[in-house]
Amino acid sequence: MTLLLVILMSVSSKAADNGFKKLLGVWEFAAPNAPQPYDNGVLTLKEVDNKLAGEFTIQGQAMAIPQIEFAQDTLTLGFEVENNPISLKLILKDGVLEGITDTPNGPVTVTAKPAKQEAK
């Protein structure tokens, strides 16, 4: 019985750890009602030390995302923009990340789609 419990915990832990792998890669995001230059850019999600890590690139400037989590098809990001803390929850549905966050300037809708691969 104990062995079965250990195996089940190991399998569920591994499944939870690997759930974010479907997000890895480059995503193009749009936030049409955000102030410029924050209205579009790139969200890069990668695996570092078996954990999810990410950064935004806006007008060529990379900004690390210090708080990042993925569970139950919800990506939660915590970062700062111009000294304002931002918490963004994006839900993965049909290969697209969508969400709304509150900012000092009001709510901002964010959509991210996988970046198109350029033909070689």
PDB file of N, CA and C in Angstrom:
ATOM      1  N   MET A   1       0.830  -1.190   0.000  1.00  0.00           N
ATOM      2  CA  MET A   1       0.000   0.000   0.000  1.00  0.00           C
ATOM      3  C   MET A   1       0.880   1.262   0.000  1.00  0.00           C
ATOM      4  N   THR A   2       1.916   1.273   0.829  1.00  0.00           N
ATOM      5  CA  THR A   2       2.818   2.423   0.896  1.00  0.00           C
ATOM      6  C   THR A   2       3.527   2.629  -0.425  1.00  0.00           C
ATOM      7  N   LEU A   3       3.957   1.524  -1.039  1.00  0.00           N
ATOM      8  CA  LEU A   3       4.637   1.612  -2.325  1.00  0.00           C
ATOM      9  C   LEU A   3       3.705   2.225  -3.381  1.00  0.00           C
ATOM     10  N   LEU A   4       2.461   1.812  -3.395  1.00  0.00           N
ATOM     11  CA  LEU A   4       1.483   2.355  -4.332  1.00  0.00           C
ATOM     12  C   LEU A   4       1.304   3.857  -4.112  1.00  0.00           C
ATOM     13  N   LEU A   5       1.232   4.283  -2.874  1.00  0.00           N
ATOM     14  CA  LEU A   5       1.089   5.695  -2.545  1.00  0.00           C
ATOM     15  C   LEU A   5       2.294   6.495  -3.042  1.00  0.00           C
ATOM     16  N   VAL A   6       3.484   5.975  -2.819  1.00  0.00           N
ATOM     17  CA  VAL A   6       4.710   6.656  -3.274  1.00  0.00           C
ATOM     18  C   VAL A   6       4.728   6.773  -4.787  1.00  0.00           C
ATOM     19  N   ILE A   7       4.344   5.714  -5.487  1.00  0.00           N
ATOM     20  CA  ILE A   7       4.311   5.742  -6.948  1.00  0.00           C
ATOM     21  C   ILE A   7       3.298   6.760  -7.447  1.00  0.00           C
ATOM     22  N   LEU A   8       2.107   6.771  -6.868  1.00  0.00           N
ATOM     23  CA  LEU A   8       1.085   7.734  -7.279  1.00  0.00           C
ATOM     24  C   LEU A   8       1.535   9.169  -7.042  1.00  0.00           C
ATOM     25  N   MET A   9       2.175   9.430  -5.913  1.00  0.00           N
ATOM     26  CA  MET A   9       2.662  10.785  -5.627  1.00  0.00           C
ATOM     27  C   MET A   9       3.751  11.177  -6.616  1.00  0.00           C
ATOM     28  N   SER A  10       4.605  10.247  -6.972  1.00  0.00           N
ATOM     29  CA  SER A  10       5.675  10.514  -7.924  1.00  0.00           C
ATOM     30  C   SER A  10       5.107  10.844  -9.300  1.00  0.00           C
ATOM     31  N   VAL A  11       4.131  10.074  -9.750  1.00  0.00           N
ATOM     32  CA  VAL A  11       3.517  10.299 -11.059  1.00  0.00           C
ATOM     33  C   VAL A  11       2.781  11.632 -11.087  1.00  0.00           C
ATOM     34  N   SER A  12       2.008  11.959 -10.055  1.00  0.00           N
ATOM     35  CA  SER A  12       1.263  13.224 -10.054  1.00  0.00           C
ATOM     36  C   SER A  12       2.213  14.408  -9.946  1.00  0.00           C
ATOM     37  N   SER A  13       3.291  14.266  -9.197  1.00  0.00           N
ATOM     38  CA  SER A  13       4.273  15.346  -9.088  1.00  0.00           C
ATOM     39  C   SER A  13       4.948  15.589 -10.427  1.00  0.00           C
ATOM     40  N   LYS A  14       5.322  14.523 -11.116  1.00  0.00           N
ATOM     41  CA  LYS A  14       5.968  14.662 -12.422  1.00  0.00           C
ATOM     42  C   LYS A  14       5.002  15.290 -13.427  1.00  0.00           C
ATOM     43  N   ALA A  15       3.743  14.894 -13.400  1.00  0.00           N
ATOM     44  CA  ALA A  15       2.750  15.465 -14.314  1.00  0.00           C
ATOM     45  C   ALA A  15       2.579  16.952 -14.056  1.00  0.00           C
ATOM     46  N   ALA A  16       2.547  17.359 -12.801  1.00  0.00           N
ATOM     47  CA  ALA A  16       2.394  18.778 -12.474  1.00  0.00           C
ATOM     48  C   ALA A  16       3.610  19.564 -12.932  1.00  0.00           C
ATOM     49  N   ASP A  17       4.812  18.995 -12.739  1.00  0.00           N
ATOM     50  CA  ASP A  17       6.029  19.682 -13.139  1.00  0.00           C
ATOM     51  C   ASP A  17       6.117  19.860 -14.649  1.00  0.00           C
ATOM     52  N   ASN A  18       5.643  18.877 -15.396  1.00  0.00           N
ATOM     53  CA  ASN A  18       5.777  18.920 -16.847  1.00  0.00           C
ATOM     54  C   ASN A  18       4.599  19.601 -17.538  1.00  0.00           C
ATOM     55  N   GLY A  19       3.580  20.006 -16.821  1.00  0.00           N
ATOM     56  CA  GLY A  19       2.420  20.623 -17.434  1.00  0.00           C
ATOM     57  C   GLY A  19       2.741  21.907 -18.171  1.00  0.00           C
ATOM     58  N   PHE A  20       3.756  22.634 -17.723  1.00  0.00           N
ATOM     59  CA  PHE A  20       4.095  23.900 -18.357  1.00  0.00           C
ATOM     60  C   PHE A  20       4.819  23.716 -19.687  1.00  0.00           C
ATOM     61  N   LYS A  21       5.281  22.518 -19.990  1.00  0.00           N
ATOM     62  CA  LYS A  21       6.077  22.315 -21.208  1.00  0.00           C
ATOM     63  C   LYS A  21       5.307  22.665 -22.475  1.00  0.00           C
ATOM     64  N   LYS A  22       3.992  22.584 -22.429  1.00  0.00           N
ATOM     65  CA  LYS A  22       3.209  22.944 -23.615  1.00  0.00           C
ATOM     66  C   LYS A  22       3.246  24.450 -23.886  1.00  0.00           C
ATOM     67  N   LEU A  23       3.722  25.232 -22.920  1.00  0.00           N
ATOM     68  CA  LEU A  23       3.814  26.684 -23.088  1.00  0.00           C
ATOM     69  C   LEU A  23       5.170  27.155 -23.588  1.00  0.00           C
ATOM     70  N   LEU A  24       6.171  26.289 -23.528  1.00  0.00           N
ATOM     71  CA  LEU A  24       7.528  26.720 -23.839  1.00  0.00           C
ATOM     72  C   LEU A  24       7.633  27.242 -25.262  1.00  0.00           C
ATOM     73  N   GLY A  25       8.326  28.356 -25.407  1.00  0.00           N
ATOM     74  CA  GLY A  25       8.521  28.948 -26.721  1.00  0.00           C
ATOM     75  C   GLY A  25       8.277  30.443 -26.692  1.00  0.00           C
ATOM     76  N   VAL A  26       8.129  30.990 -27.881  1.00  0.00           N
ATOM     77  CA  VAL A  26       7.958  32.430 -28.055  1.00  0.00           C
ATOM     78  C   VAL A  26       6.497  32.713 -28.394  1.00  0.00           C
ATOM     79  N   TRP A  27       5.936  33.670 -27.671  1.00  0.00           N
ATOM     80  CA  TRP A  27       4.543  34.081 -27.851  1.00  0.00           C
ATOM     81  C   TRP A  27       4.516  35.566 -28.185  1.00  0.00           C
ATOM     82  N   GLU A  28       3.706  35.940 -29.154  1.00  0.00           N
ATOM     83  CA  GLU A  28       3.500  37.361 -29.470  1.00  0.00           C
ATOM     84  C   GLU A  28       2.270  37.819 -28.705  1.00  0.00           C
ATOM     85  N   PHE A  29       2.452  38.872 -27.900  1.00  0.00           N
ATOM     86  CA  PHE A  29       1.310  39.334 -27.117  1.00  0.00           C
ATOM     87  C   PHE A  29       0.826  40.688 -27.615  1.00  0.00           C
ATOM     88  N   ALA A  30      -0.461  40.918 -27.383  1.00  0.00           N
ATOM     89  CA  ALA A  30      -1.083  42.196 -27.708  1.00  0.00           C
ATOM     90  C   ALA A  30      -1.940  42.610 -26.521  1.00  0.00           C
ATOM     91  N   ALA A  31      -1.821  43.865 -26.154  1.00  0.00           N
ATOM     92  CA  ALA A  31      -2.626  44.464 -25.088  1.00  0.00           C
ATOM     93  C   ALA A  31      -3.108  45.813 -25.619  1.00  0.00           C
ATOM     94  N   PRO A  32      -4.113  45.791 -26.499  1.00  0.00           N
ATOM     95  CA  PRO A  32      -4.513  47.000 -27.239  1.00  0.00           C
ATOM     96  C   PRO A  32      -4.856  48.214 -26.377  1.00  0.00           C
ATOM     97  N   ASN A  33      -5.364  48.007 -25.171  1.00  0.00           N
ATOM     98  CA  ASN A  33      -5.736  49.165 -24.355  1.00  0.00           C
ATOM     99  C   ASN A  33      -4.658  49.522 -23.315  1.00  0.00           C
ATOM    100  N   ALA A  34      -3.458  48.971 -23.481  1.00  0.00           N
ATOM    101  CA  ALA A  34      -2.329  49.342 -22.617  1.00  0.00           C
ATOM    102  C   ALA A  34      -1.615  50.547 -23.242  1.00  0.00           C
ATOM    103  N   PRO A  35      -0.969  51.356 -22.425  1.00  0.00           N
ATOM    104  CA  PRO A  35      -0.237  52.489 -22.999  1.00  0.00           C
ATOM    105  C   PRO A  35       0.974  52.002 -23.806  1.00  0.00           C
ATOM    106  N   GLN A  36       1.331  52.772 -24.819  1.00  0.00           N
ATOM    107  CA  GLN A  36       2.525  52.434 -25.590  1.00  0.00           C
ATOM    108  C   GLN A  36       3.743  52.634 -24.715  1.00  0.00           C
ATOM    109  N   PRO A  37       4.769  51.875 -24.800  1.00  0.00           N
ATOM    110  CA  PRO A  37       5.037  50.793 -25.752  1.00  0.00           C
ATOM    111  C   PRO A  37       4.579  49.432 -25.258  1.00  0.00           C
ATOM    112  N   TYR A  38       3.792  49.390 -24.185  1.00  0.00           N
ATOM    113  CA  TYR A  38       3.421  48.123 -23.563  1.00  0.00           C
ATOM    114  C   TYR A  38       2.247  47.425 -24.244  1.00  0.00           C
ATOM    115  N   ASP A  39       1.799  47.940 -25.370  1.00  0.00           N
ATOM    116  CA  ASP A  39       0.628  47.381 -26.038  1.00  0.00           C
ATOM    117  C   ASP A  39       0.934  46.152 -26.899  1.00  0.00           C
ATOM    118  N   ASN A  40       2.210  45.839 -27.122  1.00  0.00           N
ATOM    119  CA  ASN A  40       2.552  44.611 -27.846  1.00  0.00           C
ATOM    120  C   ASN A  40       4.008  44.268 -27.602  1.00  0.00           C
ATOM    121  N   GLY A  41       4.346  43.032 -27.888  1.00  0.00           N
ATOM    122  CA  GLY A  41       5.712  42.580 -27.702  1.00  0.00           C
ATOM    123  C   GLY A  41       5.775  41.068 -27.739  1.00  0.00           C
ATOM    124  N   VAL A  42       6.815  40.536 -27.101  1.00  0.00           N
ATOM    125  CA  VAL A  42       7.057  39.103 -27.129  1.00  0.00           C
ATOM    126  C   VAL A  42       7.161  38.583 -25.694  1.00  0.00           C
ATOM    127  N   LEU A  43       6.529  37.455 -25.457  1.00  0.00           N
ATOM    128  CA  LEU A  43       6.625  36.739 -24.190  1.00  0.00           C
ATOM    129  C   LEU A  43       7.379  35.451 -24.487  1.00  0.00           C
ATOM    130  N   THR A  44       8.534  35.272 -23.867  1.00  0.00           N
ATOM    131  CA  THR A  44       9.327  34.059 -24.061  1.00  0.00           C
ATOM    132  C   THR A  44       9.239  33.218 -22.799  1.00  0.00           C
ATOM    133  N   LEU A  45       8.799  31.981 -22.968  1.00  0.00           N
ATOM    134  CA  LEU A  45       8.671  31.049 -21.851  1.00  0.00           C
ATOM    135  C   LEU A  45       9.658  29.908 -22.067  1.00  0.00           C
ATOM    136  N   LYS A  46      10.450  29.621 -21.026  1.00  0.00           N
ATOM    137  CA  LYS A  46      11.461  28.576 -21.141  1.00  0.00           C
ATOM    138  C   LYS A  46      11.564  27.798 -19.844  1.00  0.00           C
ATOM    139  N   GLU A  47      12.277  26.696 -19.923  1.00  0.00           N
ATOM    140  CA  GLU A  47      12.511  25.863 -18.744  1.00  0.00           C
ATOM    141  C   GLU A  47      13.925  26.122 -18.247  1.00  0.00           C
ATOM    142  N   VAL A  48      14.043  26.464 -16.965  1.00  0.00           N
ATOM    143  CA  VAL A  48      15.328  26.677 -16.323  1.00  0.00           C
ATOM    144  C   VAL A  48      15.330  25.872 -15.023  1.00  0.00           C
ATOM    145  N   ASP A  49      16.262  24.955 -14.893  1.00  0.00           N
ATOM    146  CA  ASP A  49      16.356  24.101 -13.702  1.00  0.00           C
ATOM    147  C   ASP A  49      15.030  23.393 -13.401  1.00  0.00           C
ATOM    148  N   ASN A  50      14.414  22.854 -14.441  1.00  0.00           N
ATOM    149  CA  ASN A  50      13.144  22.119 -14.342  1.00  0.00           C
ATOM    150  C   ASN A  50      11.980  22.982 -13.862  1.00  0.00           C
ATOM    151  N   LYS A  51      12.102  24.291 -13.994  1.00  0.00           N
ATOM    152  CA  LYS A  51      11.017  25.197 -13.610  1.00  0.00           C
ATOM    153  C   LYS A  51      10.715  26.138 -14.769  1.00  0.00           C
ATOM    154  N   LEU A  52       9.517  26.666 -14.755  1.00  0.00           N
ATOM    155  CA  LEU A  52       9.105  27.623 -15.769  1.00  0.00           C
ATOM    156  C   LEU A  52       9.721  28.986 -15.486  1.00  0.00           C
ATOM    157  N   ALA A  53      10.255  29.614 -16.523  1.00  0.00           N
ATOM    158  CA  ALA A  53      10.828  30.958 -16.418  1.00  0.00           C
ATOM    159  C   ALA A  53      10.368  31.734 -17.647  1.00  0.00           C
ATOM    160  N   GLY A  54      10.427  33.061 -17.548  1.00  0.00           N
ATOM    161  CA  GLY A  54       9.979  33.837 -18.688  1.00  0.00           C
ATOM    162  C   GLY A  54      10.456  35.266 -18.662  1.00  0.00           C
ATOM    163  N   GLU A  55      10.280  35.913 -19.823  1.00  0.00           N
ATOM    164  CA  GLU A  55      10.597  37.328 -19.944  1.00  0.00           C
ATOM    165  C   GLU A  55       9.744  37.957 -21.031  1.00  0.00           C
ATOM    166  N   PHE A  56       9.466  39.233 -20.841  1.00  0.00           N
ATOM    167  CA  PHE A  56       8.816  40.037 -21.868  1.00  0.00           C
ATOM    168  C   PHE A  56       9.900  40.777 -22.630  1.00  0.00           C
ATOM    169  N   THR A  57       9.717  40.939 -23.934  1.00  0.00           N
ATOM    170  CA  THR A  57      10.586  41.795 -24.726  1.00  0.00           C
ATOM    171  C   THR A  57       9.685  42.833 -25.380  1.00  0.00           C
ATOM    172  N   ILE A  58       9.947  44.093 -25.035  1.00  0.00           N
ATOM    173  CA  ILE A  58       9.145  45.204 -25.541  1.00  0.00           C
ATOM    174  C   ILE A  58      10.105  46.212 -26.146  1.00  0.00           C
ATOM    175  N   GLN A  59       9.922  46.491 -27.421  1.00  0.00           N
ATOM    176  CA  GLN A  59      10.790  47.406 -28.165  1.00  0.00           C
ATOM    177  C   GLN A  59      12.266  47.057 -27.965  1.00  0.00           C
ATOM    178  N   GLY A  60      12.580  45.766 -28.049  1.00  0.00           N
ATOM    179  CA  GLY A  60      13.953  45.310 -27.952  1.00  0.00           C
ATOM    180  C   GLY A  60      14.517  45.211 -26.541  1.00  0.00           C
ATOM    181  N   GLN A  61      13.760  45.623 -25.535  1.00  0.00           N
ATOM    182  CA  GLN A  61      14.210  45.561 -24.142  1.00  0.00           C
ATOM    183  C   GLN A  61      13.598  44.347 -23.448  1.00  0.00           C
ATOM    184  N   ALA A  62      14.462  43.477 -22.925  1.00  0.00           N
ATOM    185  CA  ALA A  62      13.988  42.287 -22.213  1.00  0.00           C
ATOM    186  C   ALA A  62      13.748  42.619 -20.748  1.00  0.00           C
ATOM    187  N   MET A  63      12.663  42.081 -20.213  1.00  0.00           N
ATOM    188  CA  MET A  63      12.302  42.289 -18.811  1.00  0.00           C
ATOM    189  C   MET A  63      11.950  40.926 -18.210  1.00  0.00           C
ATOM    190  N   ALA A  64      12.750  40.475 -17.243  1.00  0.00           N
ATOM    191  CA  ALA A  64      12.497  39.183 -16.606  1.00  0.00           C
ATOM    192  C   ALA A  64      11.178  39.218 -15.841  1.00  0.00           C
ATOM    193  N   ILE A  65      10.543  38.064 -15.753  1.00  0.00           N
ATOM    194  CA  ILE A  65       9.307  37.913 -14.988  1.00  0.00           C
ATOM    195  C   ILE A  65       9.670  37.180 -13.700  1.00  0.00           C
ATOM    196  N   PRO A  66       9.736  37.892 -12.570  1.00  0.00           N
ATOM    197  CA  PRO A  66      10.199  37.259 -11.328  1.00  0.00           C
ATOM    198  C   PRO A  66       9.250  36.218 -10.738  1.00  0.00           C
ATOM    199  N   GLN A  67       7.956  36.371 -10.966  1.00  0.00           N
ATOM    200  CA  GLN A  67       6.982  35.410 -10.427  1.00  0.00           C
ATOM    201  C   GLN A  67       6.223  34.797 -11.590  1.00  0.00           C
ATOM    202  N   ILE A  68       6.323  33.476 -11.704  1.00  0.00           N
ATOM    203  CA  ILE A  68       5.659  32.797 -12.818  1.00  0.00           C
ATOM    204  C   ILE A  68       5.235  31.408 -12.369  1.00  0.00           C
ATOM    205  N   GLU A  69       3.984  31.060 -12.688  1.00  0.00           N
ATOM    206  CA  GLU A  69       3.391  29.788 -12.287  1.00  0.00           C
ATOM    207  C   GLU A  69       2.439  29.325 -13.367  1.00  0.00           C
ATOM    208  N   PHE A  70       2.327  28.011 -13.540  1.00  0.00           N
ATOM    209  CA  PHE A  70       1.346  27.467 -14.462  1.00  0.00           C
ATOM    210  C   PHE A  70       0.665  26.280 -13.801  1.00  0.00           C
ATOM    211  N   ALA A  71      -0.642  26.343 -13.677  1.00  0.00           N
ATOM    212  CA  ALA A  71      -1.431  25.249 -13.109  1.00  0.00           C
ATOM    213  C   ALA A  71      -2.832  25.304 -13.692  1.00  0.00           C
ATOM    214  N   GLN A  72      -3.371  24.145 -14.005  1.00  0.00           N
ATOM    215  CA  GLN A  72      -4.739  24.015 -14.504  1.00  0.00           C
ATOM    216  C   GLN A  72      -5.018  24.983 -15.648  1.00  0.00           C
ATOM    217  N   ASP A  73      -4.107  24.994 -16.636  1.00  0.00           N
ATOM    218  CA  ASP A  73      -4.204  25.824 -17.840  1.00  0.00           C
ATOM    219  C   ASP A  73      -4.261  27.322 -17.550  1.00  0.00           C
ATOM    220  N   THR A  74      -3.758  27.750 -16.389  1.00  0.00           N
ATOM    221  CA  THR A  74      -3.702  29.167 -16.045  1.00  0.00           C
ATOM    222  C   THR A  74      -2.256  29.562 -15.767  1.00  0.00           C
ATOM    223  N   LEU A  75      -1.773  30.530 -16.544  1.00  0.00           N
ATOM    224  CA  LEU A  75      -0.435  31.082 -16.371  1.00  0.00           C
ATOM    225  C   LEU A  75      -0.571  32.346 -15.539  1.00  0.00           C
ATOM    226  N   THR A  76       0.112  32.392 -14.397  1.00  0.00           N
ATOM    227  CA  THR A  76       0.061  33.552 -13.513  1.00  0.00           C
ATOM    228  C   THR A  76       1.433  34.211 -13.504  1.00  0.00           C
ATOM    229  N   LEU A  77       1.456  35.506 -13.819  1.00  0.00           N
ATOM    230  CA  LEU A  77       2.703  36.263 -13.909  1.00  0.00           C
ATOM    231  C   LEU A  77       2.667  37.427 -12.931  1.00  0.00           C
ATOM    232  N   GLY A  78       3.767  37.662 -12.241  1.00  0.00           N
ATOM    233  CA  GLY A  78       3.904  38.807 -11.347  1.00  0.00           C
ATOM    234  C   GLY A  78       5.153  39.576 -11.731  1.00  0.00           C
ATOM    235  N   PHE A  79       5.002  40.860 -12.041  1.00  0.00           N
ATOM    236  CA  PHE A  79       6.130  41.673 -12.490  1.00  0.00           C
ATOM    237  C   PHE A  79       5.823  43.137 -12.213  1.00  0.00           C
ATOM    238  N   GLU A  80       6.761  44.022 -12.538  1.00  0.00           N
ATOM    239  CA  GLU A  80       6.549  45.457 -12.351  1.00  0.00           C
ATOM    240  C   GLU A  80       6.692  46.190 -13.676  1.00  0.00           C
ATOM    241  N   VAL A  81       5.861  47.196 -13.854  1.00  0.00           N
ATOM    242  CA  VAL A  81       5.968  48.099 -15.001  1.00  0.00           C
ATOM    243  C   VAL A  81       6.011  49.506 -14.443  1.00  0.00           C
ATOM    244  N   GLU A  82       7.119  50.182 -14.685  1.00  0.00           N
ATOM    245  CA  GLU A  82       7.318  51.551 -14.189  1.00  0.00           C
ATOM    246  C   GLU A  82       6.996  51.655 -12.691  1.00  0.00           C
ATOM    247  N   ASN A  83       7.561  50.740 -11.917  1.00  0.00           N
ATOM    248  CA  ASN A  83       7.421  50.667 -10.461  1.00  0.00           C
ATOM    249  C   ASN A  83       6.011  50.340  -9.978  1.00  0.00           C
ATOM    250  N   ASN A  84       5.146  49.871 -10.870  1.00  0.00           N
ATOM    251  CA  ASN A  84       3.798  49.449 -10.496  1.00  0.00           C
ATOM    252  C   ASN A  84       3.724  47.925 -10.545  1.00  0.00           C
ATOM    253  N   PRO A  85       3.370  47.274  -9.430  1.00  0.00           N
ATOM    254  CA  PRO A  85       3.241  45.813  -9.458  1.00  0.00           C
ATOM    255  C   PRO A  85       2.038  45.398 -10.309  1.00  0.00           C
ATOM    256  N   ILE A  86       2.278  44.393 -11.147  1.00  0.00           N
ATOM    257  CA  ILE A  86       1.230  43.885 -12.037  1.00  0.00           C
ATOM    258  C   ILE A  86       1.104  42.385 -11.800  1.00  0.00           C
ATOM    259  N   SER A  87      -0.122  41.912 -11.659  1.00  0.00           N
ATOM    260  CA  SER A  87      -0.412  40.483 -11.578  1.00  0.00           C
ATOM    261  C   SER A  87      -1.303  40.149 -12.766  1.00  0.00           C
ATOM    262  N   LEU A  88      -0.821  39.247 -13.601  1.00  0.00           N
ATOM    263  CA  LEU A  88      -1.544  38.909 -14.830  1.00  0.00           C
ATOM    264  C   LEU A  88      -1.840  37.421 -14.843  1.00  0.00           C
ATOM    265  N   LYS A  89      -3.108  37.064 -15.024  1.00  0.00           N
ATOM    266  CA  LYS A  89      -3.511  35.672 -15.171  1.00  0.00           C
ATOM    267  C   LYS A  89      -3.981  35.473 -16.603  1.00  0.00           C
ATOM    268  N   LEU A  90      -3.343  34.506 -17.273  1.00  0.00           N
ATOM    269  CA  LEU A  90      -3.698  34.176 -18.645  1.00  0.00           C
ATOM    270  C   LEU A  90      -4.180  32.734 -18.681  1.00  0.00           C
ATOM    271  N   ILE A  91      -5.302  32.507 -19.332  1.00  0.00           N
ATOM    272  CA  ILE A  91      -5.862  31.161 -19.440  1.00  0.00           C
ATOM    273  C   ILE A  91      -5.567  30.625 -20.834  1.00  0.00           C
ATOM    274  N   LEU A  92      -5.020  29.406 -20.877  1.00  0.00           N
ATOM    275  CA  LEU A  92      -4.714  28.745 -22.148  1.00  0.00           C
ATOM    276  C   LEU A  92      -5.964  28.055 -22.664  1.00  0.00           C
ATOM    277  N   LYS A  93      -6.404  28.497 -23.840  1.00  0.00           N
ATOM    278  CA  LYS A  93      -7.584  27.894 -24.450  1.00  0.00           C
ATOM    279  C   LYS A  93      -7.374  27.863 -25.957  1.00  0.00           C
ATOM    280  N   ASP A  94      -7.467  26.672 -26.529  1.00  0.00           N
ATOM    281  CA  ASP A  94      -7.295  26.485 -27.972  1.00  0.00           C
ATOM    282  C   ASP A  94      -5.970  27.062 -28.468  1.00  0.00           C
ATOM    283  N   GLY A  95      -4.906  26.893 -27.691  1.00  0.00           N
ATOM    284  CA  GLY A  95      -3.583  27.334 -28.113  1.00  0.00           C
ATOM    285  C   GLY A  95      -3.323  28.820 -27.990  1.00  0.00           C
ATOM    286  N   VAL A  96      -4.224  29.552 -27.327  1.00  0.00           N
ATOM    287  CA  VAL A  96      -4.088  31.000 -27.148  1.00  0.00           C
ATOM    288  C   VAL A  96      -4.176  31.313 -25.656  1.00  0.00           C
ATOM    289  N   LEU A  97      -3.319  32.235 -25.193  1.00  0.00           N
ATOM    290  CA  LEU A  97      -3.368  32.716 -23.812  1.00  0.00           C
ATOM    291  C   LEU A  97      -4.165  34.006 -23.777  1.00  0.00           C
ATOM    292  N   GLU A  98      -5.171  34.077 -22.907  1.00  0.00           N
ATOM    293  CA  GLU A  98      -5.999  35.276 -22.808  1.00  0.00           C
ATOM    294  C   GLU A  98      -6.260  35.617 -21.352  1.00  0.00           C
ATOM    295  N   GLY A  99      -6.280  36.923 -21.064  1.00  0.00           N
ATOM    296  CA  GLY A  99      -6.580  37.344 -19.705  1.00  0.00           C
ATOM    297  C   GLY A  99      -6.749  38.835 -19.593  1.00  0.00           C
ATOM    298  N   ILE A 100      -7.097  39.265 -18.393  1.00  0.00           N
ATOM    299  CA  ILE A 100      -7.280  40.687 -18.093  1.00  0.00           C
ATOM    300  C   ILE A 100      -6.550  40.962 -16.791  1.00  0.00           C
ATOM    301  N   THR A 101      -5.876  42.104 -16.724  1.00  0.00           N
ATOM    302  CA  THR A 101      -5.217  42.499 -15.492  1.00  0.00           C
ATOM    303  C   THR A 101      -5.610  43.916 -15.136  1.00  0.00           C
ATOM    304  N   ASP A 102      -5.604  44.204 -13.846  1.00  0.00           N
ATOM    305  CA  ASP A 102      -5.866  45.573 -13.400  1.00  0.00           C
ATOM    306  C   ASP A 102      -4.537  46.312 -13.316  1.00  0.00           C
ATOM    307  N   THR A 103      -4.531  47.531 -13.811  1.00  0.00           N
ATOM    308  CA  THR A 103      -3.347  48.379 -13.754  1.00  0.00           C
ATOM    309  C   THR A 103      -3.772  49.715 -13.150  1.00  0.00           C
ATOM    310  N   PRO A 104      -2.810  50.569 -12.806  1.00  0.00           N
ATOM    311  CA  PRO A 104      -3.174  51.905 -12.306  1.00  0.00           C
ATOM    312  C   PRO A 104      -4.006  52.702 -13.309  1.00  0.00           C
ATOM    313  N   ASN A 105      -3.900  52.352 -14.602  1.00  0.00           N
ATOM    314  CA  ASN A 105      -4.666  53.048 -15.645  1.00  0.00           C
ATOM    315  C   ASN A 105      -5.968  52.339 -15.988  1.00  0.00           C
ATOM    316  N   GLY A 106      -6.315  51.295 -15.237  1.00  0.00           N
ATOM    317  CA  GLY A 106      -7.543  50.558 -15.517  1.00  0.00           C
ATOM    318  C   GLY A 106      -7.241  49.161 -16.038  1.00  0.00           C
ATOM    319  N   PRO A 107      -8.310  48.397 -16.347  1.00  0.00           N
ATOM    320  CA  PRO A 107      -8.116  47.022 -16.804  1.00  0.00           C
ATOM    321  C   PRO A 107      -7.478  46.967 -18.187  1.00  0.00           C
ATOM    322  N   VAL A 108      -6.627  45.948 -18.373  1.00  0.00           N
ATOM    323  CA  VAL A 108      -5.951  45.745 -19.655  1.00  0.00           C
ATOM    324  C   VAL A 108      -6.180  44.300 -20.085  1.00  0.00           C
ATOM    325  N   THR A 109      -6.679  44.133 -21.305  1.00  0.00           N
ATOM    326  CA  THR A 109      -6.881  42.813 -21.891  1.00  0.00           C
ATOM    327  C   THR A 109      -5.597  42.402 -22.604  1.00  0.00           C
ATOM    328  N   VAL A 110      -5.167  41.164 -22.361  1.00  0.00           N
ATOM    329  CA  VAL A 110      -3.931  40.652 -22.968  1.00  0.00           C
ATOM    330  C   VAL A 110      -4.239  39.352 -23.689  1.00  0.00           C
ATOM    331  N   THR A 111      -3.725  39.228 -24.900  1.00  0.00           N
ATOM    332  CA  THR A 111      -3.832  38.000 -25.687  1.00  0.00           C
ATOM    333  C   THR A 111      -2.442  37.647 -26.194  1.00  0.00           C
ATOM    334  N   ALA A 112      -2.070  36.377 -26.085  1.00  0.00           N
ATOM    335  CA  ALA A 112      -0.767  35.927 -26.586  1.00  0.00           C
ATOM    336  C   ALA A 112      -0.971  34.692 -27.462  1.00  0.00           C
ATOM    337  N   LYS A 113      -0.322  34.732 -28.622  1.00  0.00           N
ATOM    338  CA  LYS A 113      -0.389  33.613 -29.569  1.00  0.00           C
ATOM    339  C   LYS A 113       1.030  33.154 -29.865  1.00  0.00           C
ATOM    340  N   PRO A 114       1.198  31.869 -30.128  1.00  0.00           N
ATOM    341  CA  PRO A 114       2.542  31.393 -30.481  1.00  0.00           C
ATOM    342  C   PRO A 114       3.081  32.177 -31.685  1.00  0.00           C
ATOM    343  N   ALA A 115       4.360  32.554 -31.601  1.00  0.00           N
ATOM    344  CA  ALA A 115       4.977  33.304 -32.693  1.00  0.00           C
ATOM    345  C   ALA A 115       5.065  32.394 -33.921  1.00  0.00           C
ATOM    346  N   LYS A 116       4.860  32.987 -35.072  1.00  0.00           N
ATOM    347  CA  LYS A 116       4.975  32.240 -36.311  1.00  0.00           C
ATOM    348  C   LYS A 116       6.443  31.945 -36.595  1.00  0.00           C
ATOM    349  N   GLN A 117       6.718  30.705 -36.982  1.00  0.00           N
ATOM    350  CA  GLN A 117       8.084  30.320 -37.337  1.00  0.00           C
ATOM    351  C   GLN A 117       8.381  30.825 -38.742  1.00  0.00           C
ATOM    352  N   GLU A 118       9.533  31.454 -38.894  1.00  0.00           N
ATOM    353  CA  GLU A 118       9.935  31.926 -40.223  1.00  0.00           C
ATOM    354  C   GLU A 118      10.473  30.760 -41.012  1.00  0.00           C
ATOM    355  N   ALA A 119      10.107  30.707 -42.298  1.00  0.00           N
ATOM    356  CA  ALA A 119      10.600  29.650 -43.181  1.00  0.00           C
ATOM    357  C   ALA A 119      12.090  29.840 -43.424  1.00  0.00           C
ATOM    358  N   LYS A 120      12.806  28.728 -43.429  1.00  0.00           N
ATOM    359  CA  LYS A 120      14.256  28.801 -43.644  1.00  0.00           C
ATOM    360  C   LYS A 120      14.605  28.537 -45.075  1.00  0.00           C
TER     361      LYS A 120
END
